[in-house]
Amino acid sequence: MQRRHVIALAAAVASLTAGTAFAQAYPNKPIRLIVPFAAGGTTDIIARVISEPLGKALGQPVVVDNKGGAGGVIGAQEAARAAPDGYTISMATVSTTAANPAINPKTGYDPVADFVPIINIAATPNLIAVHPSFAAKDHKALVELLKSQPGKFSYASSGTGGIGHLQTELWKSLTGVFVTHIPYRGAGPALNDVVAGQVPIIFDNVPSSLPFIKSGKLVPVVVAAPERLKDLPNTPTFKEVGLEPVNRMAYYGLLASKGTPKEIVDRLNAATRKVLEDPAVKKRIEDTGSFVIANTPEQFAQQIKDELAVYKQVVTKQKLTLQ
């Protein structure tokens, strides 16, 4: 009996030593960063801002791989199935870790159990924007127009079950309007059609919409943020228009797959925090309208759990389904 205990203890020590050695050697090859949306959206923008400097900090390239579709589910599924060695990590969004799992029981992954949070990179305001030709260009006029012609108009989002979808549905339930949902494979394709005038309204993240707003190709109506944004000083927050429950920002972080050693998660967290301390990187993120967060894995894990609980309540209360 004593000999078996000694053997078991020796095996455990050997395993721990091997794991530590593996983590100390990490990384020794390029790292793949899955972005679960098409290129051009906010998730893609944030990923590409940090990927190059993060690769330099780690000593190996960080290669962005866009895997869009199903409101982020396809990319998240692939990320959840990745080997737990730190060589495939993924971007975490409210859509993939809270909104979509809350409304879709068949995502194929558990946003809490199947991932190890690394860091929340940034928080991003969301907004409703319209094409310049649209008759309503402020929140009051928008609600009045949609109420007067229910079902006539449509809105674009990054995909069914994404944050743009669920936040718009929450907004619809609180205002009593009816507008048809047109889902896309990501914010980039959705924006293209709204800017082209094929869909008049979009609920999107500020970073991906802001360039079109600045160029006059989109008109901002209302924003989900703690206060008015410096880039959009004339656009009220949802709180200001009496809709505080909709006034929630999105997060953009990094995840590893379940079972990834803590040493590797901590290494990735430390390297990302170092990158986010760079004034140039911080400015690039803030110039998109986002706020740098750079928290601990434990803090990000709690944020994911809290946001998932919120959207489960929204889905239950509003009786939302994928149909």
C-alpha atoms as a PDB file:
ATOM      1  CA  MET A   1       0.000   0.000   0.000  1.00  0.00           C
ATOM      2  CA  GLN A   2       2.772   2.419   0.991  1.00  0.00           C
ATOM      3  CA  ARG A   3       4.679   1.605  -2.207  1.00  0.00           C
ATOM      4  CA  ARG A   4       1.590   2.436  -4.317  1.00  0.00           C
ATOM      5  CA  HIS A   5       1.301   5.801  -2.565  1.00  0.00           C
ATOM      6  CA  VAL A   6       4.953   6.522  -3.258  1.00  0.00           C
ATOM      7  CA  ILE A   7       4.518   5.602  -6.932  1.00  0.00           C
ATOM      8  CA  ALA A   8       1.389   7.751  -7.230  1.00  0.00           C
ATOM      9  CA  LEU A   9       3.139  10.687  -5.570  1.00  0.00           C
ATOM     10  CA  ALA A  10       6.135  10.308  -7.854  1.00  0.00           C
ATOM     11  CA  ALA A  11       3.854  10.207 -10.911  1.00  0.00           C
ATOM     12  CA  ALA A  12       2.046  13.343  -9.750  1.00  0.00           C
ATOM     13  CA  VAL A  13       5.345  15.166  -9.192  1.00  0.00           C
ATOM     14  CA  ALA A  14       6.616  14.041 -12.599  1.00  0.00           C
ATOM     15  CA  SER A  15       3.396  15.223 -14.263  1.00  0.00           C
ATOM     16  CA  LEU A  16       3.585  18.587 -12.520  1.00  0.00           C
ATOM     17  CA  THR A  17       7.249  18.967 -13.458  1.00  0.00           C
ATOM     18  CA  ALA A  18       6.517  18.093 -17.069  1.00  0.00           C
ATOM     19  CA  GLY A  19       3.605  20.537 -17.175  1.00  0.00           C
ATOM     20  CA  THR A  20       5.743  23.306 -15.694  1.00  0.00           C
ATOM     21  CA  ALA A  21       8.540  22.611 -18.166  1.00  0.00           C
ATOM     22  CA  PHE A  22       6.037  22.687 -21.043  1.00  0.00           C
ATOM     23  CA  ALA A  23       4.644  25.997 -19.837  1.00  0.00           C
ATOM     24  CA  GLN A  24       8.137  27.458 -19.427  1.00  0.00           C
ATOM     25  CA  ALA A  25       8.941  26.534 -23.044  1.00  0.00           C
ATOM     26  CA  TYR A  26       5.696  28.132 -24.259  1.00  0.00           C
ATOM     27  CA  PRO A  27       5.392  29.392 -26.905  1.00  0.00           C
ATOM     28  CA  ASN A  28       7.773  27.754 -29.353  1.00  0.00           C
ATOM     29  CA  LYS A  29       5.568  28.040 -32.458  1.00  0.00           C
ATOM     30  CA  PRO A  30       2.959  30.479 -33.878  1.00  0.00           C
ATOM     31  CA  ILE A  31      -0.306  30.984 -31.989  1.00  0.00           C
ATOM     32  CA  ARG A  32      -3.648  30.918 -33.792  1.00  0.00           C
ATOM     33  CA  LEU A  33      -6.217  33.505 -32.684  1.00  0.00           C
ATOM     34  CA  ILE A  34      -9.737  32.524 -33.744  1.00  0.00           C
ATOM     35  CA  VAL A  35     -12.059  35.458 -34.410  1.00  0.00           C
ATOM     36  CA  PRO A  36     -15.600  34.011 -34.505  1.00  0.00           C
ATOM     37  CA  PHE A  37     -16.869  36.664 -36.920  1.00  0.00           C
ATOM     38  CA  ALA A  38     -16.103  37.873 -40.424  1.00  0.00           C
ATOM     39  CA  ALA A  39     -13.420  40.481 -41.007  1.00  0.00           C
ATOM     40  CA  GLY A  40     -14.389  44.132 -40.558  1.00  0.00           C
ATOM     41  CA  GLY A  41     -16.383  43.938 -37.341  1.00  0.00           C
ATOM     42  CA  THR A  42     -15.306  45.145 -33.903  1.00  0.00           C
ATOM     43  CA  THR A  43     -14.106  41.712 -32.753  1.00  0.00           C
ATOM     44  CA  ASP A  44     -11.829  41.535 -35.782  1.00  0.00           C
ATOM     45  CA  ILE A  45     -10.621  45.114 -35.275  1.00  0.00           C
ATOM     46  CA  ILE A  46      -9.647  44.545 -31.624  1.00  0.00           C
ATOM     47  CA  ALA A  47      -7.987  41.222 -32.486  1.00  0.00           C
ATOM     48  CA  ARG A  48      -5.854  42.804 -35.187  1.00  0.00           C
ATOM     49  CA  VAL A  49      -4.850  45.734 -32.971  1.00  0.00           C
ATOM     50  CA  ILE A  50      -3.340  43.396 -30.382  1.00  0.00           C
ATOM     51  CA  SER A  51      -2.195  40.413 -32.488  1.00  0.00           C
ATOM     52  CA  GLU A  52       1.069  41.842 -33.833  1.00  0.00           C
ATOM     53  CA  PRO A  53       2.323  43.412 -30.570  1.00  0.00           C
ATOM     54  CA  LEU A  54       1.193  40.337 -28.618  1.00  0.00           C
ATOM     55  CA  GLY A  55       3.221  38.165 -30.956  1.00  0.00           C
ATOM     56  CA  LYS A  56       6.273  40.338 -30.312  1.00  0.00           C
ATOM     57  CA  ALA A  57       5.717  40.151 -26.544  1.00  0.00           C
ATOM     58  CA  LEU A  58       5.473  36.349 -26.695  1.00  0.00           C
ATOM     59  CA  GLY A  59       8.269  35.840 -29.200  1.00  0.00           C
ATOM     60  CA  GLN A  60       6.025  34.001 -31.683  1.00  0.00           C
ATOM     61  CA  PRO A  61       3.552  35.300 -34.310  1.00  0.00           C
ATOM     62  CA  VAL A  62      -0.127  35.523 -33.326  1.00  0.00           C
ATOM     63  CA  VAL A  63      -2.100  34.762 -36.490  1.00  0.00           C
ATOM     64  CA  VAL A  64      -5.730  35.958 -36.761  1.00  0.00           C
ATOM     65  CA  ASP A  65      -8.108  33.373 -38.230  1.00  0.00           C
ATOM     66  CA  ASN A  66     -11.661  34.548 -39.003  1.00  0.00           C
ATOM     67  CA  LYS A  67     -14.276  31.799 -38.546  1.00  0.00           C
ATOM     68  CA  GLY A  68     -17.616  33.570 -38.915  1.00  0.00           C
ATOM     69  CA  GLY A  69     -21.154  32.250 -38.959  1.00  0.00           C
ATOM     70  CA  ALA A  70     -24.168  31.526 -36.738  1.00  0.00           C
ATOM     71  CA  GLY A  71     -23.678  34.616 -34.585  1.00  0.00           C
ATOM     72  CA  GLY A  72     -20.184  33.519 -33.590  1.00  0.00           C
ATOM     73  CA  VAL A  73     -21.139  29.928 -32.739  1.00  0.00           C
ATOM     74  CA  ILE A  74     -19.086  28.253 -35.499  1.00  0.00           C
ATOM     75  CA  GLY A  75     -15.846  29.906 -34.427  1.00  0.00           C
ATOM     76  CA  ALA A  76     -16.566  29.371 -30.735  1.00  0.00           C
ATOM     77  CA  GLN A  77     -17.244  25.673 -31.339  1.00  0.00           C
ATOM     78  CA  GLU A  78     -13.890  25.291 -33.055  1.00  0.00           C
ATOM     79  CA  ALA A  79     -12.152  27.168 -30.253  1.00  0.00           C
ATOM     80  CA  ALA A  80     -13.783  24.960 -27.613  1.00  0.00           C
ATOM     81  CA  ARG A  81     -12.498  21.831 -29.390  1.00  0.00           C
ATOM     82  CA  ALA A  82      -8.918  23.121 -29.640  1.00  0.00           C
ATOM     83  CA  ALA A  83      -6.093  21.324 -27.877  1.00  0.00           C
ATOM     84  CA  PRO A  84      -5.504  22.830 -24.399  1.00  0.00           C
ATOM     85  CA  ASP A  85      -1.932  23.835 -25.157  1.00  0.00           C
ATOM     86  CA  GLY A  86      -2.262  27.591 -25.663  1.00  0.00           C
ATOM     87  CA  TYR A  87      -1.538  27.425 -29.396  1.00  0.00           C
ATOM     88  CA  THR A  88      -5.155  28.064 -30.350  1.00  0.00           C
ATOM     89  CA  ILE A  89      -6.882  30.851 -28.433  1.00  0.00           C
ATOM     90  CA  SER A  90      -9.989  32.797 -29.333  1.00  0.00           C
ATOM     91  CA  MET A  91     -11.705  36.126 -29.026  1.00  0.00           C
ATOM     92  CA  ALA A  92     -14.492  36.162 -26.442  1.00  0.00           C
ATOM     93  CA  THR A  93     -17.513  38.383 -26.999  1.00  0.00           C
ATOM     94  CA  VAL A  94     -20.838  38.876 -25.263  1.00  0.00           C
ATOM     95  CA  SER A  95     -22.405  37.267 -28.334  1.00  0.00           C
ATOM     96  CA  THR A  96     -20.409  34.027 -28.060  1.00  0.00           C
ATOM     97  CA  THR A  97     -20.225  33.698 -24.267  1.00  0.00           C
ATOM     98  CA  ALA A  98     -23.585  35.111 -23.149  1.00  0.00           C
ATOM     99  CA  ALA A  99     -26.178  36.217 -25.712  1.00  0.00           C
ATOM    100  CA  ASN A 100     -25.997  33.252 -28.074  1.00  0.00           C
ATOM    101  CA  PRO A 101     -25.729  30.541 -25.401  1.00  0.00           C
ATOM    102  CA  ALA A 102     -28.649  32.181 -23.582  1.00  0.00           C
ATOM    103  CA  ILE A 103     -30.982  31.901 -26.559  1.00  0.00           C
ATOM    104  CA  ASN A 104     -29.556  28.830 -28.300  1.00  0.00           C
ATOM    105  CA  PRO A 105     -29.478  25.534 -26.354  1.00  0.00           C
ATOM    106  CA  LYS A 106     -27.639  23.872 -29.240  1.00  0.00           C
ATOM    107  CA  THR A 107     -24.468  25.955 -29.467  1.00  0.00           C
ATOM    108  CA  GLY A 108     -22.435  22.814 -28.851  1.00  0.00           C
ATOM    109  CA  TYR A 109     -20.313  24.380 -26.120  1.00  0.00           C
ATOM    110  CA  ASP A 110     -20.678  25.632 -22.559  1.00  0.00           C
ATOM    111  CA  PRO A 111     -19.364  29.226 -22.339  1.00  0.00           C
ATOM    112  CA  VAL A 112     -18.292  28.713 -18.720  1.00  0.00           C
ATOM    113  CA  ALA A 113     -17.197  25.072 -18.527  1.00  0.00           C
ATOM    114  CA  ASP A 114     -15.503  24.684 -21.936  1.00  0.00           C
ATOM    115  CA  PHE A 115     -13.173  27.686 -21.797  1.00  0.00           C
ATOM    116  CA  VAL A 116     -10.535  29.234 -19.572  1.00  0.00           C
ATOM    117  CA  PRO A 117     -10.777  33.048 -19.532  1.00  0.00           C
ATOM    118  CA  ILE A 118      -7.461  34.810 -20.119  1.00  0.00           C
ATOM    119  CA  ILE A 119      -8.233  38.534 -20.088  1.00  0.00           C
ATOM    120  CA  ASN A 120     -10.890  41.111 -20.953  1.00  0.00           C
ATOM    121  CA  ILE A 121      -9.104  43.364 -23.430  1.00  0.00           C
ATOM    122  CA  ALA A 122     -11.668  46.107 -23.858  1.00  0.00           C
ATOM    123  CA  ALA A 123     -15.248  47.207 -23.266  1.00  0.00           C
ATOM    124  CA  THR A 124     -17.102  48.632 -26.214  1.00  0.00           C
ATOM    125  CA  PRO A 125     -20.275  50.718 -26.459  1.00  0.00           C
ATOM    126  CA  ASN A 126     -23.027  49.567 -28.819  1.00  0.00           C
ATOM    127  CA  LEU A 127     -25.360  51.801 -30.799  1.00  0.00           C
ATOM    128  CA  ILE A 128     -28.302  52.024 -33.125  1.00  0.00           C
ATOM    129  CA  ALA A 129     -27.450  53.736 -36.387  1.00  0.00           C
ATOM    130  CA  VAL A 130     -29.415  54.362 -39.576  1.00  0.00           C
ATOM    131  CA  HIS A 131     -28.712  55.010 -43.238  1.00  0.00           C
ATOM    132  CA  PRO A 132     -28.621  58.768 -44.032  1.00  0.00           C
ATOM    133  CA  SER A 133     -31.648  58.400 -46.323  1.00  0.00           C
ATOM    134  CA  PHE A 134     -33.798  56.995 -43.515  1.00  0.00           C
ATOM    135  CA  ALA A 135     -36.570  59.364 -42.445  1.00  0.00           C
ATOM    136  CA  ALA A 136     -35.936  59.090 -38.687  1.00  0.00           C
ATOM    137  CA  LYS A 137     -32.559  60.288 -37.444  1.00  0.00           C
ATOM    138  CA  ASP A 138     -33.104  60.617 -33.679  1.00  0.00           C
ATOM    139  CA  HIS A 139     -34.456  58.153 -31.129  1.00  0.00           C
ATOM    140  CA  LYS A 140     -37.881  59.710 -30.639  1.00  0.00           C
ATOM    141  CA  ALA A 141     -38.508  59.948 -34.372  1.00  0.00           C
ATOM    142  CA  LEU A 142     -37.253  56.391 -34.892  1.00  0.00           C
ATOM    143  CA  VAL A 143     -39.651  54.930 -32.327  1.00  0.00           C
ATOM    144  CA  GLU A 144     -42.582  56.954 -33.681  1.00  0.00           C
ATOM    145  CA  LEU A 145     -41.891  55.904 -37.286  1.00  0.00           C
ATOM    146  CA  LEU A 146     -41.527  52.206 -36.431  1.00  0.00           C
ATOM    147  CA  LYS A 147     -44.709  52.265 -34.344  1.00  0.00           C
ATOM    148  CA  SER A 148     -46.644  53.928 -37.145  1.00  0.00           C
ATOM    149  CA  GLN A 149     -45.570  51.311 -39.700  1.00  0.00           C
ATOM    150  CA  PRO A 150     -44.979  48.038 -37.820  1.00  0.00           C
ATOM    151  CA  GLY A 151     -43.173  45.369 -39.817  1.00  0.00           C
ATOM    152  CA  LYS A 152     -42.308  47.643 -42.728  1.00  0.00           C
ATOM    153  CA  PHE A 153     -38.670  48.153 -41.786  1.00  0.00           C
ATOM    154  CA  SER A 154     -35.773  45.828 -40.943  1.00  0.00           C
ATOM    155  CA  TYR A 155     -32.545  45.975 -38.983  1.00  0.00           C
ATOM    156  CA  ALA A 156     -29.200  44.257 -39.499  1.00  0.00           C
ATOM    157  CA  SER A 157     -27.087  42.507 -36.858  1.00  0.00           C
ATOM    158  CA  SER A 158     -23.895  40.453 -36.728  1.00  0.00           C
ATOM    159  CA  GLY A 159     -25.957  37.263 -36.477  1.00  0.00           C
ATOM    160  CA  THR A 160     -28.858  35.456 -34.833  1.00  0.00           C
ATOM    161  CA  GLY A 161     -28.301  35.192 -31.086  1.00  0.00           C
ATOM    162  CA  GLY A 162     -25.556  37.815 -31.080  1.00  0.00           C
ATOM    163  CA  ILE A 163     -25.506  40.831 -28.805  1.00  0.00           C
ATOM    164  CA  GLY A 164     -26.846  43.071 -31.592  1.00  0.00           C
ATOM    165  CA  HIS A 165     -29.819  40.753 -31.990  1.00  0.00           C
ATOM    166  CA  LEU A 166     -30.630  40.350 -28.290  1.00  0.00           C
ATOM    167  CA  GLN A 167     -30.076  43.988 -27.377  1.00  0.00           C
ATOM    168  CA  THR A 168     -32.323  45.087 -30.232  1.00  0.00           C
ATOM    169  CA  GLU A 169     -34.995  42.621 -29.169  1.00  0.00           C
ATOM    170  CA  LEU A 170     -34.764  43.987 -25.631  1.00  0.00           C
ATOM    171  CA  TRP A 171     -35.066  47.523 -27.038  1.00  0.00           C
ATOM    172  CA  LYS A 172     -38.078  46.450 -29.127  1.00  0.00           C
ATOM    173  CA  SER A 173     -39.821  44.969 -26.093  1.00  0.00           C
ATOM    174  CA  LEU A 174     -39.304  48.120 -24.042  1.00  0.00           C
ATOM    175  CA  THR A 175     -40.405  50.541 -26.781  1.00  0.00           C
ATOM    176  CA  GLY A 176     -43.209  48.456 -28.274  1.00  0.00           C
ATOM    177  CA  VAL A 177     -41.901  48.712 -31.839  1.00  0.00           C
ATOM    178  CA  PHE A 178     -41.771  45.931 -34.409  1.00  0.00           C
ATOM    179  CA  VAL A 179     -38.885  45.759 -36.877  1.00  0.00           C
ATOM    180  CA  THR A 180     -37.699  42.670 -38.748  1.00  0.00           C
ATOM    181  CA  HIS A 181     -34.335  41.089 -37.949  1.00  0.00           C
ATOM    182  CA  ILE A 182     -31.876  40.471 -40.799  1.00  0.00           C
ATOM    183  CA  PRO A 183     -28.909  38.430 -39.461  1.00  0.00           C
ATOM    184  CA  TYR A 184     -25.470  38.388 -41.111  1.00  0.00           C
ATOM    185  CA  ARG A 185     -22.245  36.401 -40.687  1.00  0.00           C
ATOM    186  CA  GLY A 186     -20.652  39.275 -38.817  1.00  0.00           C
ATOM    187  CA  ALA A 187     -20.777  43.028 -38.340  1.00  0.00           C
ATOM    188  CA  GLY A 188     -18.672  43.653 -41.456  1.00  0.00           C
ATOM    189  CA  PRO A 189     -21.184  42.207 -43.949  1.00  0.00           C
ATOM    190  CA  ALA A 190     -24.079  43.748 -41.995  1.00  0.00           C
ATOM    191  CA  LEU A 191     -22.494  47.182 -42.161  1.00  0.00           C
ATOM    192  CA  ASN A 192     -21.840  46.826 -45.884  1.00  0.00           C
ATOM    193  CA  ASP A 193     -25.534  46.336 -46.597  1.00  0.00           C
ATOM    194  CA  VAL A 194     -26.679  49.145 -44.288  1.00  0.00           C
ATOM    195  CA  VAL A 195     -24.140  51.570 -45.764  1.00  0.00           C
ATOM    196  CA  ALA A 196     -25.341  50.503 -49.229  1.00  0.00           C
ATOM    197  CA  GLY A 197     -28.919  51.298 -48.200  1.00  0.00           C
ATOM    198  CA  GLN A 198     -30.219  47.737 -48.531  1.00  0.00           C
ATOM    199  CA  VAL A 199     -31.169  47.628 -44.813  1.00  0.00           C
ATOM    200  CA  PRO A 200     -32.000  50.938 -43.081  1.00  0.00           C
ATOM    201  CA  ILE A 201     -31.084  50.199 -39.436  1.00  0.00           C
ATOM    202  CA  ILE A 202     -28.249  48.464 -37.592  1.00  0.00           C
ATOM    203  CA  PHE A 203     -27.486  47.651 -33.967  1.00  0.00           C
ATOM    204  CA  ASP A 204     -23.693  47.437 -33.883  1.00  0.00           C
ATOM    205  CA  ASN A 205     -20.576  48.062 -31.828  1.00  0.00           C
ATOM    206  CA  VAL A 206     -19.184  51.573 -32.022  1.00  0.00           C
ATOM    207  CA  PRO A 207     -15.671  50.668 -33.308  1.00  0.00           C
ATOM    208  CA  SER A 208     -16.889  49.047 -36.522  1.00  0.00           C
ATOM    209  CA  SER A 209     -19.581  51.682 -37.168  1.00  0.00           C
ATOM    210  CA  LEU A 210     -17.582  54.780 -36.221  1.00  0.00           C
ATOM    211  CA  PRO A 211     -15.619  55.160 -39.494  1.00  0.00           C
ATOM    212  CA  PHE A 212     -18.906  55.139 -41.442  1.00  0.00           C
ATOM    213  CA  ILE A 213     -20.431  57.626 -39.006  1.00  0.00           C
ATOM    214  CA  LYS A 214     -17.446  59.959 -39.358  1.00  0.00           C
ATOM    215  CA  SER A 215     -17.658  59.746 -43.154  1.00  0.00           C
ATOM    216  CA  GLY A 216     -21.381  60.513 -43.121  1.00  0.00           C
ATOM    217  CA  LYS A 217     -22.434  57.076 -44.371  1.00  0.00           C
ATOM    218  CA  LEU A 218     -24.296  56.245 -41.141  1.00  0.00           C
ATOM    219  CA  VAL A 219     -26.229  58.391 -38.658  1.00  0.00           C
ATOM    220  CA  PRO A 220     -25.957  57.479 -34.949  1.00  0.00           C
ATOM    221  CA  VAL A 221     -29.267  57.464 -33.056  1.00  0.00           C
ATOM    222  CA  VAL A 222     -28.581  56.218 -29.518  1.00  0.00           C
ATOM    223  CA  VAL A 223     -25.605  54.594 -27.754  1.00  0.00           C
ATOM    224  CA  ALA A 224     -25.145  52.070 -24.938  1.00  0.00           C
ATOM    225  CA  ALA A 225     -22.437  53.642 -22.791  1.00  0.00           C
ATOM    226  CA  PRO A 226     -21.975  55.041 -19.263  1.00  0.00           C
ATOM    227  CA  GLU A 227     -21.982  58.559 -20.709  1.00  0.00           C
ATOM    228  CA  ARG A 228     -21.949  60.308 -24.073  1.00  0.00           C
ATOM    229  CA  LEU A 229     -18.890  59.466 -26.145  1.00  0.00           C
ATOM    230  CA  LYS A 230     -16.374  62.146 -27.069  1.00  0.00           C
ATOM    231  CA  ASP A 231     -16.619  61.065 -30.711  1.00  0.00           C
ATOM    232  CA  LEU A 232     -20.441  61.203 -30.608  1.00  0.00           C
ATOM    233  CA  PRO A 233     -21.208  64.167 -28.325  1.00  0.00           C
ATOM    234  CA  ASN A 234     -24.685  64.723 -29.793  1.00  0.00           C
ATOM    235  CA  THR A 235     -25.804  61.096 -29.492  1.00  0.00           C
ATOM    236  CA  PRO A 236     -27.700  60.316 -26.253  1.00  0.00           C
ATOM    237  CA  THR A 237     -27.225  57.134 -24.236  1.00  0.00           C
ATOM    238  CA  PHE A 238     -30.033  54.606 -23.789  1.00  0.00           C
ATOM    239  CA  LYS A 239     -30.228  55.775 -20.176  1.00  0.00           C
ATOM    240  CA  GLU A 240     -30.894  59.329 -21.348  1.00  0.00           C
ATOM    241  CA  VAL A 241     -33.831  58.189 -23.489  1.00  0.00           C
ATOM    242  CA  GLY A 242     -35.303  56.250 -20.568  1.00  0.00           C
ATOM    243  CA  LEU A 243     -34.061  52.773 -21.520  1.00  0.00           C
ATOM    244  CA  GLU A 244     -31.364  52.013 -18.964  1.00  0.00           C
ATOM    245  CA  PRO A 245     -31.753  48.176 -19.228  1.00  0.00           C
ATOM    246  CA  VAL A 246     -30.379  48.409 -22.780  1.00  0.00           C
ATOM    247  CA  ASN A 247     -27.417  50.514 -21.667  1.00  0.00           C
ATOM    248  CA  ARG A 248     -24.901  47.606 -21.602  1.00  0.00           C
ATOM    249  CA  MET A 249     -21.452  47.628 -23.187  1.00  0.00           C
ATOM    250  CA  ALA A 250     -19.848  44.666 -24.940  1.00  0.00           C
ATOM    251  CA  TYR A 251     -16.575  43.015 -23.943  1.00  0.00           C
ATOM    252  CA  TYR A 252     -13.760  41.677 -26.104  1.00  0.00           C
ATOM    253  CA  GLY A 253     -11.376  39.285 -24.433  1.00  0.00           C
ATOM    254  CA  LEU A 254      -9.262  36.191 -24.912  1.00  0.00           C
ATOM    255  CA  LEU A 255     -10.135  32.591 -24.102  1.00  0.00           C
ATOM    256  CA  ALA A 256      -8.191  29.330 -24.031  1.00  0.00           C
ATOM    257  CA  SER A 257      -9.806  25.910 -24.238  1.00  0.00           C
ATOM    258  CA  LYS A 258     -10.685  23.908 -21.125  1.00  0.00           C
ATOM    259  CA  GLY A 259      -7.674  22.255 -19.509  1.00  0.00           C
ATOM    260  CA  THR A 260      -5.082  24.810 -20.613  1.00  0.00           C
ATOM    261  CA  PRO A 261      -2.396  24.953 -17.886  1.00  0.00           C
ATOM    262  CA  LYS A 262      -2.609  27.912 -15.523  1.00  0.00           C
ATOM    263  CA  GLU A 263       1.018  28.789 -16.259  1.00  0.00           C
ATOM    264  CA  ILE A 264       0.173  29.315 -19.931  1.00  0.00           C
ATOM    265  CA  VAL A 265      -2.982  31.309 -19.128  1.00  0.00           C
ATOM    266  CA  ASP A 266      -0.968  33.522 -16.783  1.00  0.00           C
ATOM    267  CA  ARG A 267       1.725  33.974 -19.431  1.00  0.00           C
ATOM    268  CA  LEU A 268      -0.842  35.059 -21.994  1.00  0.00           C
ATOM    269  CA  ASN A 269      -2.517  37.366 -19.480  1.00  0.00           C
ATOM    270  CA  ALA A 270       0.775  39.029 -18.533  1.00  0.00           C
ATOM    271  CA  ALA A 271       1.843  39.449 -22.170  1.00  0.00           C
ATOM    272  CA  THR A 272      -1.521  40.956 -23.154  1.00  0.00           C
ATOM    273  CA  ARG A 273      -1.466  43.347 -20.203  1.00  0.00           C
ATOM    274  CA  LYS A 274       2.003  44.437 -21.221  1.00  0.00           C
ATOM    275  CA  VAL A 275       0.756  45.095 -24.757  1.00  0.00           C
ATOM    276  CA  LEU A 276      -2.212  47.104 -23.465  1.00  0.00           C
ATOM    277  CA  GLU A 277       0.126  49.307 -21.409  1.00  0.00           C
ATOM    278  CA  ASP A 278       1.738  50.511 -24.630  1.00  0.00           C
ATOM    279  CA  PRO A 279       0.372  54.047 -25.227  1.00  0.00           C
ATOM    280  CA  ALA A 280       0.199  53.450 -28.978  1.00  0.00           C
ATOM    281  CA  VAL A 281      -1.865  50.274 -28.611  1.00  0.00           C
ATOM    282  CA  LYS A 282      -4.082  51.848 -25.961  1.00  0.00           C
ATOM    283  CA  LYS A 283      -4.696  54.847 -28.235  1.00  0.00           C
ATOM    284  CA  ARG A 284      -5.610  52.618 -31.191  1.00  0.00           C
ATOM    285  CA  ILE A 285      -8.209  50.848 -29.068  1.00  0.00           C
ATOM    286  CA  GLU A 286      -9.557  54.048 -27.528  1.00  0.00           C
ATOM    287  CA  ASP A 287      -9.735  55.698 -30.953  1.00  0.00           C
ATOM    288  CA  THR A 288     -12.305  53.063 -31.904  1.00  0.00           C
ATOM    289  CA  GLY A 289     -14.539  54.242 -29.050  1.00  0.00           C
ATOM    290  CA  SER A 290     -13.592  51.356 -26.736  1.00  0.00           C
ATOM    291  CA  PHE A 291     -12.197  51.358 -23.211  1.00  0.00           C
ATOM    292  CA  VAL A 292      -9.150  49.276 -22.236  1.00  0.00           C
ATOM    293  CA  ILE A 293      -9.923  46.889 -19.337  1.00  0.00           C
ATOM    294  CA  ALA A 294      -6.926  44.507 -18.949  1.00  0.00           C
ATOM    295  CA  ASN A 295      -8.158  42.521 -15.938  1.00  0.00           C
ATOM    296  CA  THR A 296      -7.237  39.142 -14.392  1.00  0.00           C
ATOM    297  CA  PRO A 297      -8.457  35.732 -15.605  1.00  0.00           C
ATOM    298  CA  GLU A 298     -10.558  35.433 -12.454  1.00  0.00           C
ATOM    299  CA  GLN A 299     -12.183  38.837 -12.942  1.00  0.00           C
ATOM    300  CA  PHE A 300     -12.967  38.078 -16.586  1.00  0.00           C
ATOM    301  CA  ALA A 301     -14.450  34.704 -15.615  1.00  0.00           C
ATOM    302  CA  GLN A 302     -16.864  36.471 -13.259  1.00  0.00           C
ATOM    303  CA  GLN A 303     -17.836  39.004 -15.936  1.00  0.00           C
ATOM    304  CA  ILE A 304     -18.722  36.172 -18.323  1.00  0.00           C
ATOM    305  CA  LYS A 305     -20.871  34.449 -15.681  1.00  0.00           C
ATOM    306  CA  ASP A 306     -22.643  37.724 -14.829  1.00  0.00           C
ATOM    307  CA  GLU A 307     -23.377  38.596 -18.466  1.00  0.00           C
ATOM    308  CA  LEU A 308     -24.648  35.089 -19.207  1.00  0.00           C
ATOM    309  CA  ALA A 309     -27.071  35.386 -16.275  1.00  0.00           C
ATOM    310  CA  VAL A 310     -28.357  38.744 -17.561  1.00  0.00           C
ATOM    311  CA  TYR A 311     -29.099  37.454 -21.062  1.00  0.00           C
ATOM    312  CA  LYS A 312     -30.701  34.269 -19.774  1.00  0.00           C
ATOM    313  CA  GLN A 313     -33.116  36.540 -17.900  1.00  0.00           C
ATOM    314  CA  VAL A 314     -33.728  38.613 -21.060  1.00  0.00           C
ATOM    315  CA  VAL A 315     -34.478  35.493 -23.118  1.00  0.00           C
ATOM    316  CA  THR A 316     -36.848  34.126 -20.466  1.00  0.00           C
ATOM    317  CA  LYS A 317     -38.627  37.420 -19.840  1.00  0.00           C
ATOM    318  CA  GLN A 318     -39.058  38.292 -23.514  1.00  0.00           C
ATOM    319  CA  LYS A 319     -39.773  34.673 -24.542  1.00  0.00           C
ATOM    320  CA  LEU A 320     -37.130  34.899 -27.255  1.00  0.00           C
ATOM    321  CA  THR A 321     -36.373  31.934 -29.513  1.00  0.00           C
ATOM    322  CA  LEU A 322     -34.247  31.369 -32.595  1.00  0.00           C
ATOM    323  CA  GLN A 323     -37.357  31.090 -34.796  1.00  0.00           C
END
